[in-house]
PDB file of N, CA and C in Angstrom:
ATOM      1  N   UNK A   1      -8.686 -94.770 -13.716  1.00  0.00           N
ATOM      2  CA  UNK A   1      -8.948 -93.395 -13.413  1.00  0.00           C
ATOM      3  C   UNK A   1      -9.879 -93.253 -12.213  1.00  0.00           C
ATOM      4  N   UNK A   2     -10.688 -94.236 -11.946  1.00  0.00           N
ATOM      5  CA  UNK A   2     -11.591 -94.136 -10.808  1.00  0.00           C
ATOM      6  C   UNK A   2     -12.961 -93.663 -11.235  1.00  0.00           C
ATOM      7  N   UNK A   3     -13.785 -93.372 -10.257  1.00  0.00           N
ATOM      8  CA  UNK A   3     -15.150 -92.945 -10.524  1.00  0.00           C
ATOM      9  C   UNK A   3     -15.180 -91.486 -10.965  1.00  0.00           C
ATOM     10  N   UNK A   4     -15.970 -91.210 -11.988  1.00  0.00           N
ATOM     11  CA  UNK A   4     -16.087 -89.846 -12.491  1.00  0.00           C
ATOM     12  C   UNK A   4     -16.817 -88.946 -11.500  1.00  0.00           C
ATOM     13  N   UNK A   5     -17.641 -89.523 -10.630  1.00  0.00           N
ATOM     14  CA  UNK A   5     -18.378 -88.721  -9.664  1.00  0.00           C
ATOM     15  C   UNK A   5     -17.454 -88.117  -8.605  1.00  0.00           C
ATOM     16  N   UNK A   6     -16.250 -88.658  -8.459  1.00  0.00           N
ATOM     17  CA  UNK A   6     -15.309 -88.139  -7.469  1.00  0.00           C
ATOM     18  C   UNK A   6     -14.727 -86.792  -7.904  1.00  0.00           C
ATOM     19  N   UNK A   7     -14.794 -86.485  -9.195  1.00  0.00           N
ATOM     20  CA  UNK A   7     -14.258 -85.230  -9.711  1.00  0.00           C
ATOM     21  C   UNK A   7     -15.385 -84.212  -9.855  1.00  0.00           C
ATOM     22  N   UNK A   8     -15.092 -82.973  -9.547  1.00  0.00           N
ATOM     23  CA  UNK A   8     -16.113 -81.933  -9.557  1.00  0.00           C
ATOM     24  C   UNK A   8     -16.368 -81.367 -10.945  1.00  0.00           C
ATOM     25  N   UNK A   9     -15.354 -81.362 -11.801  1.00  0.00           N
ATOM     26  CA  UNK A   9     -15.501 -80.723 -13.107  1.00  0.00           C
ATOM     27  C   UNK A   9     -14.479 -81.296 -14.084  1.00  0.00           C
ATOM     28  N   UNK A  10     -14.561 -80.830 -15.312  1.00  0.00           N
ATOM     29  CA  UNK A  10     -13.573 -81.210 -16.314  1.00  0.00           C
ATOM     30  C   UNK A  10     -12.202 -80.677 -15.981  1.00  0.00           C
ATOM     31  N   UNK A  11     -12.167 -79.513 -15.323  1.00  0.00           N
ATOM     32  CA  UNK A  11     -10.884 -78.945 -14.917  1.00  0.00           C
ATOM     33  C   UNK A  11     -10.215 -79.813 -13.865  1.00  0.00           C
ATOM     34  N   UNK A  12     -11.012 -80.372 -12.970  1.00  0.00           N
ATOM     35  CA  UNK A  12     -10.464 -81.256 -11.946  1.00  0.00           C
ATOM     36  C   UNK A  12      -9.906 -82.526 -12.586  1.00  0.00           C
ATOM     37  N   UNK A  13     -10.556 -83.021 -13.633  1.00  0.00           N
ATOM     38  CA  UNK A  13     -10.045 -84.195 -14.343  1.00  0.00           C
ATOM     39  C   UNK A  13      -8.722 -83.878 -15.028  1.00  0.00           C
ATOM     40  N   UNK A  14      -8.647 -82.730 -15.707  1.00  0.00           N
ATOM     41  CA  UNK A  14      -7.407 -82.346 -16.380  1.00  0.00           C
ATOM     42  C   UNK A  14      -6.286 -82.122 -15.366  1.00  0.00           C
ATOM     43  N   UNK A  15      -6.607 -81.584 -14.197  1.00  0.00           N
ATOM     44  CA  UNK A  15      -5.595 -81.384 -13.161  1.00  0.00           C
ATOM     45  C   UNK A  15      -5.123 -82.719 -12.601  1.00  0.00           C
ATOM     46  N   UNK A  16      -6.043 -83.699 -12.515  1.00  0.00           N
ATOM     47  CA  UNK A  16      -5.638 -85.010 -12.005  1.00  0.00           C
ATOM     48  C   UNK A  16      -4.713 -85.729 -12.977  1.00  0.00           C
ATOM     49  N   UNK A  17      -4.799 -85.401 -14.271  1.00  0.00           N
ATOM     50  CA  UNK A  17      -3.882 -85.975 -15.258  1.00  0.00           C
ATOM     51  C   UNK A  17      -2.545 -85.249 -15.307  1.00  0.00           C
ATOM     52  N   UNK A  18      -2.482 -84.048 -14.740  1.00  0.00           N
ATOM     53  CA  UNK A  18      -1.251 -83.275 -14.776  1.00  0.00           C
ATOM     54  C   UNK A  18      -1.149 -82.399 -16.000  1.00  0.00           C
ATOM     55  N   UNK A  19      -2.286 -82.072 -16.647  1.00  0.00           N
ATOM     56  CA  UNK A  19      -2.254 -81.230 -17.839  1.00  0.00           C
ATOM     57  C   UNK A  19      -2.365 -79.744 -17.510  1.00  0.00           C
ATOM     58  N   UNK A  20      -2.897 -79.391 -16.339  1.00  0.00           N
ATOM     59  CA  UNK A  20      -3.058 -78.007 -15.933  1.00  0.00           C
ATOM     60  C   UNK A  20      -2.653 -77.890 -14.471  1.00  0.00           C
ATOM     61  N   UNK A  21      -2.410 -76.680 -13.998  1.00  0.00           N
ATOM     62  CA  UNK A  21      -2.021 -76.525 -12.593  1.00  0.00           C
ATOM     63  C   UNK A  21      -3.134 -76.924 -11.629  1.00  0.00           C
ATOM     64  N   UNK A  22      -2.752 -77.466 -10.513  1.00  0.00           N
ATOM     65  CA  UNK A  22      -3.689 -77.794  -9.442  1.00  0.00           C
ATOM     66  C   UNK A  22      -4.198 -76.482  -8.855  1.00  0.00           C
ATOM     67  N   UNK A  23      -5.499 -76.386  -8.624  1.00  0.00           N
ATOM     68  CA  UNK A  23      -6.113 -75.165  -8.130  1.00  0.00           C
ATOM     69  C   UNK A  23      -6.647 -75.382  -6.724  1.00  0.00           C
ATOM     70  N   UNK A  24      -6.373 -74.431  -5.844  1.00  0.00           N
ATOM     71  CA  UNK A  24      -6.931 -74.474  -4.497  1.00  0.00           C
ATOM     72  C   UNK A  24      -7.118 -73.054  -4.023  1.00  0.00           C
ATOM     73  N   UNK A  25      -7.849 -72.892  -2.971  1.00  0.00           N
ATOM     74  CA  UNK A  25      -8.061 -71.566  -2.414  1.00  0.00           C
ATOM     75  C   UNK A  25      -9.481 -71.425  -1.915  1.00  0.00           C
ATOM     76  N   UNK A  26      -9.698 -70.365  -1.173  1.00  0.00           N
ATOM     77  CA  UNK A  26     -11.030 -70.091  -0.667  1.00  0.00           C
ATOM     78  C   UNK A  26     -11.192 -68.584  -0.528  1.00  0.00           C
ATOM     79  N   UNK A  27     -12.423 -68.149  -0.330  1.00  0.00           N
ATOM     80  CA  UNK A  27     -12.673 -66.734  -0.138  1.00  0.00           C
ATOM     81  C   UNK A  27     -12.477 -65.903  -1.383  1.00  0.00           C
ATOM     82  N   UNK A  28     -12.611 -66.519  -2.552  1.00  0.00           N
ATOM     83  CA  UNK A  28     -12.479 -65.783  -3.797  1.00  0.00           C
ATOM     84  C   UNK A  28     -11.056 -65.646  -4.308  1.00  0.00           C
ATOM     85  N   UNK A  29     -10.072 -66.050  -3.512  1.00  0.00           N
ATOM     86  CA  UNK A  29      -8.680 -65.974  -3.949  1.00  0.00           C
ATOM     87  C   UNK A  29      -8.236 -67.366  -4.369  1.00  0.00           C
ATOM     88  N   UNK A  30      -7.822 -67.493  -5.611  1.00  0.00           N
ATOM     89  CA  UNK A  30      -7.446 -68.787  -6.168  1.00  0.00           C
ATOM     90  C   UNK A  30      -5.934 -68.902  -6.189  1.00  0.00           C
ATOM     91  N   UNK A  31      -5.418 -69.997  -5.670  1.00  0.00           N
ATOM     92  CA  UNK A  31      -3.989 -70.290  -5.692  1.00  0.00           C
ATOM     93  C   UNK A  31      -3.748 -71.385  -6.733  1.00  0.00           C
ATOM     94  N   UNK A  32      -2.867 -71.124  -7.669  1.00  0.00           N
ATOM     95  CA  UNK A  32      -2.525 -72.126  -8.671  1.00  0.00           C
ATOM     96  C   UNK A  32      -1.196 -72.769  -8.304  1.00  0.00           C
ATOM     97  N   UNK A  33      -1.185 -74.090  -8.278  1.00  0.00           N
ATOM     98  CA  UNK A  33       0.038 -74.829  -8.027  1.00  0.00           C
ATOM     99  C   UNK A  33       0.759 -75.090  -9.346  1.00  0.00           C
ATOM    100  N   UNK A  34       1.729 -75.960  -9.314  1.00  0.00           N
ATOM    101  CA  UNK A  34       2.462 -76.281 -10.522  1.00  0.00           C
ATOM    102  C   UNK A  34       1.825 -77.433 -11.277  1.00  0.00           C
ATOM    103  N   UNK A  35       2.229 -77.594 -12.528  1.00  0.00           N
ATOM    104  CA  UNK A  35       1.805 -78.740 -13.318  1.00  0.00           C
ATOM    105  C   UNK A  35       2.660 -79.916 -12.865  1.00  0.00           C
ATOM    106  N   UNK A  36       2.008 -80.984 -12.459  1.00  0.00           N
ATOM    107  CA  UNK A  36       2.742 -82.122 -11.933  1.00  0.00           C
ATOM    108  C   UNK A  36       2.640 -83.293 -12.898  1.00  0.00           C
ATOM    109  N   UNK A  37       3.280 -84.361 -12.548  1.00  0.00           N
ATOM    110  CA  UNK A  37       3.220 -85.579 -13.352  1.00  0.00           C
ATOM    111  C   UNK A  37       2.328 -86.615 -12.676  1.00  0.00           C
ATOM    112  N   UNK A  38       1.337 -86.150 -11.897  1.00  0.00           N
ATOM    113  CA  UNK A  38       0.432 -87.090 -11.247  1.00  0.00           C
ATOM    114  C   UNK A  38      -0.561 -87.614 -12.271  1.00  0.00           C
ATOM    115  N   UNK A  39      -1.204 -88.681 -11.928  1.00  0.00           N
ATOM    116  CA  UNK A  39      -2.180 -89.265 -12.836  1.00  0.00           C
ATOM    117  C   UNK A  39      -1.560 -90.355 -13.694  1.00  0.00           C
ATOM    118  N   UNK A  40      -2.314 -90.796 -14.668  1.00  0.00           N
ATOM    119  CA  UNK A  40      -1.893 -91.877 -15.546  1.00  0.00           C
ATOM    120  C   UNK A  40      -0.955 -91.335 -16.630  1.00  0.00           C
ATOM    121  N   UNK A  41       0.330 -91.680 -16.586  1.00  0.00           N
ATOM    122  CA  UNK A  41       1.254 -91.129 -17.581  1.00  0.00           C
ATOM    123  C   UNK A  41       0.951 -91.608 -18.996  1.00  0.00           C
ATOM    124  N   UNK A  42       0.442 -92.823 -19.138  1.00  0.00           N
ATOM    125  CA  UNK A  42       0.133 -93.328 -20.473  1.00  0.00           C
ATOM    126  C   UNK A  42      -1.013 -92.547 -21.102  1.00  0.00           C
ATOM    127  N   UNK A  43      -2.061 -92.262 -20.336  1.00  0.00           N
ATOM    128  CA  UNK A  43      -3.188 -91.493 -20.851  1.00  0.00           C
ATOM    129  C   UNK A  43      -2.766 -90.069 -21.178  1.00  0.00           C
ATOM    130  N   UNK A  44      -1.935 -89.456 -20.319  1.00  0.00           N
ATOM    131  CA  UNK A  44      -1.441 -88.111 -20.587  1.00  0.00           C
ATOM    132  C   UNK A  44      -0.611 -88.099 -21.867  1.00  0.00           C
ATOM    133  N   UNK A  45       0.212 -89.112 -22.048  1.00  0.00           N
ATOM    134  CA  UNK A  45       1.045 -89.207 -23.248  1.00  0.00           C
ATOM    135  C   UNK A  45       0.187 -89.353 -24.496  1.00  0.00           C
ATOM    136  N   UNK A  46      -0.863 -90.173 -24.422  1.00  0.00           N
ATOM    137  CA  UNK A  46      -1.749 -90.340 -25.571  1.00  0.00           C
ATOM    138  C   UNK A  46      -2.468 -89.041 -25.930  1.00  0.00           C
ATOM    139  N   UNK A  47      -2.934 -88.325 -24.927  1.00  0.00           N
ATOM    140  CA  UNK A  47      -3.611 -87.054 -25.187  1.00  0.00           C
ATOM    141  C   UNK A  47      -2.666 -86.036 -25.816  1.00  0.00           C
ATOM    142  N   UNK A  48      -1.442 -85.975 -25.337  1.00  0.00           N
ATOM    143  CA  UNK A  48      -0.482 -85.014 -25.878  1.00  0.00           C
ATOM    144  C   UNK A  48      -0.065 -85.405 -27.287  1.00  0.00           C
ATOM    145  N   UNK A  49       0.152 -86.684 -27.544  1.00  0.00           N
ATOM    146  CA  UNK A  49       0.498 -87.120 -28.907  1.00  0.00           C
ATOM    147  C   UNK A  49      -0.646 -86.856 -29.870  1.00  0.00           C
ATOM    148  N   UNK A  50      -1.867 -87.111 -29.433  1.00  0.00           N
ATOM    149  CA  UNK A  50      -3.022 -86.844 -30.281  1.00  0.00           C
ATOM    150  C   UNK A  50      -3.164 -85.364 -30.598  1.00  0.00           C
ATOM    151  N   UNK A  51      -2.931 -84.521 -29.607  1.00  0.00           N
ATOM    152  CA  UNK A  51      -3.008 -83.076 -29.823  1.00  0.00           C
ATOM    153  C   UNK A  51      -1.905 -82.611 -30.777  1.00  0.00           C
ATOM    154  N   UNK A  52      -0.714 -83.189 -30.644  1.00  0.00           N
ATOM    155  CA  UNK A  52       0.386 -82.811 -31.533  1.00  0.00           C
ATOM    156  C   UNK A  52       0.069 -83.186 -32.981  1.00  0.00           C
ATOM    157  N   UNK A  53      -0.548 -84.331 -33.190  1.00  0.00           N
ATOM    158  CA  UNK A  53      -0.928 -84.750 -34.544  1.00  0.00           C
ATOM    159  C   UNK A  53      -1.975 -83.805 -35.119  1.00  0.00           C
ATOM    160  N   UNK A  54      -2.938 -83.404 -34.291  1.00  0.00           N
ATOM    161  CA  UNK A  54      -3.973 -82.477 -34.766  1.00  0.00           C
ATOM    162  C   UNK A  54      -3.336 -81.161 -35.209  1.00  0.00           C
ATOM    163  N   UNK A  55      -2.367 -80.669 -34.461  1.00  0.00           N
ATOM    164  CA  UNK A  55      -1.751 -79.386 -34.803  1.00  0.00           C
ATOM    165  C   UNK A  55      -0.814 -79.484 -35.999  1.00  0.00           C
ATOM    166  N   UNK A  56      -0.144 -80.611 -36.169  1.00  0.00           N
ATOM    167  CA  UNK A  56       0.836 -80.703 -37.250  1.00  0.00           C
ATOM    168  C   UNK A  56       0.252 -81.239 -38.553  1.00  0.00           C
ATOM    169  N   UNK A  57      -0.714 -82.128 -38.491  1.00  0.00           N
ATOM    170  CA  UNK A  57      -1.198 -82.785 -39.704  1.00  0.00           C
ATOM    171  C   UNK A  57      -2.583 -82.346 -40.161  1.00  0.00           C
ATOM    172  N   UNK A  58      -3.281 -81.598 -39.349  1.00  0.00           N
ATOM    173  CA  UNK A  58      -4.640 -81.206 -39.683  1.00  0.00           C
ATOM    174  C   UNK A  58      -4.634 -80.141 -40.767  1.00  0.00           C
ATOM    175  N   UNK A  59      -5.563 -80.255 -41.712  1.00  0.00           N
ATOM    176  CA  UNK A  59      -5.680 -79.248 -42.761  1.00  0.00           C
ATOM    177  C   UNK A  59      -6.297 -77.966 -42.216  1.00  0.00           C
ATOM    178  N   UNK A  60      -7.212 -78.103 -41.271  1.00  0.00           N
ATOM    179  CA  UNK A  60      -7.838 -76.941 -40.657  1.00  0.00           C
ATOM    180  C   UNK A  60      -7.648 -77.006 -39.148  1.00  0.00           C
ATOM    181  N   UNK A  61      -6.727 -76.210 -38.643  1.00  0.00           N
ATOM    182  CA  UNK A  61      -6.507 -76.137 -37.207  1.00  0.00           C
ATOM    183  C   UNK A  61      -7.605 -75.271 -36.590  1.00  0.00           C
ATOM    184  N   UNK A  62      -7.867 -75.478 -35.303  1.00  0.00           N
ATOM    185  CA  UNK A  62      -8.810 -74.578 -34.637  1.00  0.00           C
ATOM    186  C   UNK A  62      -8.288 -73.137 -34.657  1.00  0.00           C
ATOM    187  N   UNK A  63      -9.196 -72.182 -34.788  1.00  0.00           N
ATOM    188  CA  UNK A  63      -8.803 -70.773 -34.891  1.00  0.00           C
ATOM    189  C   UNK A  63      -8.082 -70.304 -33.623  1.00  0.00           C
ATOM    190  N   UNK A  64      -8.543 -70.758 -32.462  1.00  0.00           N
ATOM    191  CA  UNK A  64      -7.905 -70.335 -31.218  1.00  0.00           C
ATOM    192  C   UNK A  64      -6.479 -70.871 -31.139  1.00  0.00           C
ATOM    193  N   UNK A  65      -6.246 -72.074 -31.727  1.00  0.00           N
ATOM    194  CA  UNK A  65      -4.903 -72.643 -31.709  1.00  0.00           C
ATOM    195  C   UNK A  65      -3.964 -71.861 -32.624  1.00  0.00           C
ATOM    196  N   UNK A  66      -4.477 -71.411 -33.760  1.00  0.00           N
ATOM    197  CA  UNK A  66      -3.664 -70.591 -34.659  1.00  0.00           C
ATOM    198  C   UNK A  66      -3.237 -69.294 -33.970  1.00  0.00           C
ATOM    199  N   UNK A  67      -4.189 -68.664 -33.286  1.00  0.00           N
ATOM    200  CA  UNK A  67      -3.877 -67.415 -32.589  1.00  0.00           C
ATOM    201  C   UNK A  67      -2.876 -67.649 -31.466  1.00  0.00           C
ATOM    202  N   UNK A  68      -3.017 -68.771 -30.778  1.00  0.00           N
ATOM    203  CA  UNK A  68      -2.105 -69.081 -29.682  1.00  0.00           C
ATOM    204  C   UNK A  68      -0.712 -69.430 -30.200  1.00  0.00           C
ATOM    205  N   UNK A  69      -0.641 -70.103 -31.364  1.00  0.00           N
ATOM    206  CA  UNK A  69       0.662 -70.440 -31.952  1.00  0.00           C
ATOM    207  C   UNK A  69       1.440 -69.189 -32.346  1.00  0.00           C
ATOM    208  N   UNK A  70       0.738 -68.123 -32.640  1.00  0.00           N
ATOM    209  CA  UNK A  70       1.417 -66.889 -33.035  1.00  0.00           C
ATOM    210  C   UNK A  70       2.165 -66.251 -31.870  1.00  0.00           C
ATOM    211  N   UNK A  71       1.749 -66.545 -30.637  1.00  0.00           N
ATOM    212  CA  UNK A  71       2.374 -65.875 -29.502  1.00  0.00           C
ATOM    213  C   UNK A  71       2.955 -66.793 -28.443  1.00  0.00           C
ATOM    214  N   UNK A  72       2.759 -68.102 -28.547  1.00  0.00           N
ATOM    215  CA  UNK A  72       3.265 -69.041 -27.547  1.00  0.00           C
ATOM    216  C   UNK A  72       4.055 -70.158 -28.237  1.00  0.00           C
ATOM    217  N   UNK A  73       4.943 -70.850 -27.504  1.00  0.00           N
ATOM    218  CA  UNK A  73       5.673 -71.978 -28.087  1.00  0.00           C
ATOM    219  C   UNK A  73       4.735 -73.128 -28.467  1.00  0.00           C
ATOM    220  N   UNK A  74       5.173 -73.950 -29.398  1.00  0.00           N
ATOM    221  CA  UNK A  74       4.351 -75.039 -29.917  1.00  0.00           C
ATOM    222  C   UNK A  74       3.966 -76.032 -28.824  1.00  0.00           C
ATOM    223  N   UNK A  75       4.876 -76.356 -27.936  1.00  0.00           N
ATOM    224  CA  UNK A  75       4.585 -77.333 -26.890  1.00  0.00           C
ATOM    225  C   UNK A  75       3.492 -76.841 -25.946  1.00  0.00           C
ATOM    226  N   UNK A  76       3.450 -75.542 -25.691  1.00  0.00           N
ATOM    227  CA  UNK A  76       2.410 -74.972 -24.833  1.00  0.00           C
ATOM    228  C   UNK A  76       1.048 -75.127 -25.501  1.00  0.00           C
ATOM    229  N   UNK A  77       0.997 -74.894 -26.806  1.00  0.00           N
ATOM    230  CA  UNK A  77      -0.258 -75.026 -27.545  1.00  0.00           C
ATOM    231  C   UNK A  77      -0.685 -76.486 -27.596  1.00  0.00           C
ATOM    232  N   UNK A  78       0.261 -77.397 -27.713  1.00  0.00           N
ATOM    233  CA  UNK A  78      -0.055 -78.827 -27.738  1.00  0.00           C
ATOM    234  C   UNK A  78      -0.694 -79.251 -26.424  1.00  0.00           C
ATOM    235  N   UNK A  79      -0.134 -78.825 -25.301  1.00  0.00           N
ATOM    236  CA  UNK A  79      -0.692 -79.192 -24.002  1.00  0.00           C
ATOM    237  C   UNK A  79      -2.047 -78.521 -23.794  1.00  0.00           C
ATOM    238  N   UNK A  80      -2.220 -77.306 -24.308  1.00  0.00           N
ATOM    239  CA  UNK A  80      -3.521 -76.640 -24.206  1.00  0.00           C
ATOM    240  C   UNK A  80      -4.585 -77.402 -24.985  1.00  0.00           C
ATOM    241  N   UNK A  81      -4.236 -77.904 -26.161  1.00  0.00           N
ATOM    242  CA  UNK A  81      -5.184 -78.701 -26.944  1.00  0.00           C
ATOM    243  C   UNK A  81      -5.449 -80.046 -26.272  1.00  0.00           C
ATOM    244  N   UNK A  82      -4.429 -80.656 -25.679  1.00  0.00           N
ATOM    245  CA  UNK A  82      -4.625 -81.908 -24.944  1.00  0.00           C
ATOM    246  C   UNK A  82      -5.561 -81.696 -23.766  1.00  0.00           C
ATOM    247  N   UNK A  83      -5.426 -80.554 -23.096  1.00  0.00           N
ATOM    248  CA  UNK A  83      -6.322 -80.211 -21.999  1.00  0.00           C
ATOM    249  C   UNK A  83      -7.758 -80.111 -22.498  1.00  0.00           C
ATOM    250  N   UNK A  84      -7.944 -79.464 -23.631  1.00  0.00           N
ATOM    251  CA  UNK A  84      -9.280 -79.303 -24.205  1.00  0.00           C
ATOM    252  C   UNK A  84      -9.854 -80.659 -24.609  1.00  0.00           C
ATOM    253  N   UNK A  85      -9.015 -81.537 -25.151  1.00  0.00           N
ATOM    254  CA  UNK A  85      -9.465 -82.888 -25.513  1.00  0.00           C
ATOM    255  C   UNK A  85      -9.864 -83.689 -24.282  1.00  0.00           C
ATOM    256  N   UNK A  86      -9.103 -83.556 -23.205  1.00  0.00           N
ATOM    257  CA  UNK A  86      -9.410 -84.299 -21.978  1.00  0.00           C
ATOM    258  C   UNK A  86     -10.721 -83.833 -21.373  1.00  0.00           C
ATOM    259  N   UNK A  87     -10.989 -82.544 -21.443  1.00  0.00           N
ATOM    260  CA  UNK A  87     -12.226 -82.022 -20.849  1.00  0.00           C
ATOM    261  C   UNK A  87     -13.456 -82.426 -21.626  1.00  0.00           C
ATOM    262  N   UNK A  88     -13.338 -82.598 -22.938  1.00  0.00           N
ATOM    263  CA  UNK A  88     -14.508 -82.922 -23.738  1.00  0.00           C
ATOM    264  C   UNK A  88     -14.713 -84.422 -23.895  1.00  0.00           C
ATOM    265  N   UNK A  89     -13.710 -85.205 -23.590  1.00  0.00           N
ATOM    266  CA  UNK A  89     -13.828 -86.653 -23.797  1.00  0.00           C
ATOM    267  C   UNK A  89     -14.682 -87.323 -22.751  1.00  0.00           C
TER     268      UNK A  89
END
């Protein structure tokens, strides 16, 4: 993955894994790019599998995930949880 000091934030780390859109822009206007497959595919796969297990097998899901599952597809919620796991790890 390289040196952690090269990344500015947890969002930059998640973007380098391809879990969230790449962000760029200046002057207060933010441009969001697409979600890519850049970064370590094995680490991204592990994070997504771990998030899927948490959502399917956990007795107590996070409240925000329950609310998101009510209005978004399951795969979107899985990637959102993987993003949250990557930022806190």
